[in-house]
Amino acid sequence: MLLPDRNTVERLLRHYRTQERTVLSSPSDLSVRRRFDDTAYTLCVLMGVRSTPEALRAAERYVAPGAPL
């Protein structure tokens, strides 16, 4: 199975968390929400799962220090 680049997953996680804060501060801004949803979708695809919470858990485990390759 091909695995995503760890640096890409780390960058995407940081981007997701930043966008999450932005969505919480501007919940009515549809363009912000769309970008956030796109990032969540990309994270799901990279991690090979269907839900955002599952993708976040998988990504955090994947980039954790000492995680196997």
Protein backbone atom coordinates (compact mmCIF):
# COMPACT_ATOMS: atom_id res chain seq x y z
CA MET A 1 0.00 0.00 0.00
CA LEU A 2 1.25 3.46 -0.85
CA LEU A 3 1.58 5.83 2.09
CA PRO A 4 1.29 9.62 1.90
CA ASP A 5 4.29 11.81 2.55
CA ARG A 6 4.48 12.60 6.29
CA ASN A 7 5.37 16.23 5.65
CA THR A 8 2.30 16.62 3.47
CA VAL A 9 0.06 15.09 6.14
CA GLU A 10 1.59 17.32 8.84
CA ARG A 11 1.10 20.41 6.68
CA LEU A 12 -2.49 19.44 5.89
CA LEU A 13 -3.25 18.84 9.59
CA ARG A 14 -1.91 22.30 10.48
CA HIS A 15 -3.92 23.81 7.63
CA TYR A 16 -7.07 21.99 8.80
CA ARG A 17 -6.65 23.25 12.39
CA THR A 18 -6.11 26.82 11.19
CA GLN A 19 -9.18 26.68 8.98
CA GLU A 20 -11.18 25.13 11.82
CA ARG A 21 -10.49 28.20 13.96
CA THR A 22 -11.41 30.48 11.06
CA VAL A 23 -14.73 28.68 10.51
CA LEU A 24 -15.54 29.00 14.21
CA SER A 25 -14.84 32.73 14.13
CA SER A 26 -16.73 33.31 10.84
CA PRO A 27 -19.44 30.63 10.67
CA SER A 28 -21.54 32.49 8.08
CA ASP A 29 -18.71 32.89 5.55
CA LEU A 30 -19.49 30.26 2.92
CA SER A 31 -16.16 30.55 1.10
CA VAL A 32 -14.31 29.83 4.35
CA ARG A 33 -16.57 26.84 4.98
CA ARG A 34 -16.00 25.51 1.46
CA ARG A 35 -12.20 25.66 1.83
CA PHE A 36 -12.48 23.94 5.19
CA ASP A 37 -14.63 21.17 3.70
CA ASP A 38 -12.18 20.76 0.81
CA THR A 39 -9.29 20.37 3.24
CA ALA A 40 -11.25 17.81 5.27
CA TYR A 41 -12.03 15.87 2.08
CA THR A 42 -8.37 15.90 1.02
CA LEU A 43 -7.36 14.61 4.43
CA CYS A 44 -9.90 11.78 4.13
CA VAL A 45 -8.56 10.82 0.70
CA LEU A 46 -4.93 10.90 1.83
CA MET A 47 -5.67 8.74 4.86
CA GLY A 48 -7.99 6.38 2.97
CA VAL A 49 -11.04 6.83 5.21
CA ARG A 50 -14.56 8.20 4.80
CA SER A 51 -15.11 10.50 7.78
CA THR A 52 -13.27 13.59 8.94
CA PRO A 53 -12.91 12.49 12.59
CA GLU A 54 -11.48 9.17 11.43
CA ALA A 55 -9.10 10.94 9.04
CA LEU A 56 -7.90 13.27 11.81
CA ARG A 57 -7.21 10.36 14.16
CA ALA A 58 -5.40 8.41 11.45
CA ALA A 59 -3.32 11.43 10.40
CA GLU A 60 -2.35 12.27 13.98
CA ARG A 61 -1.27 8.68 14.59
CA TYR A 62 0.62 8.63 11.28
CA VAL A 63 2.69 11.74 12.04
CA ALA A 64 3.20 11.03 15.75
CA PRO A 65 6.84 10.82 16.83
CA GLY A 66 7.99 7.24 16.78
CA ALA A 67 5.16 6.08 14.50
CA PRO A 68 6.25 3.21 12.23
CA LEU A 69 6.79 3.94 8.57
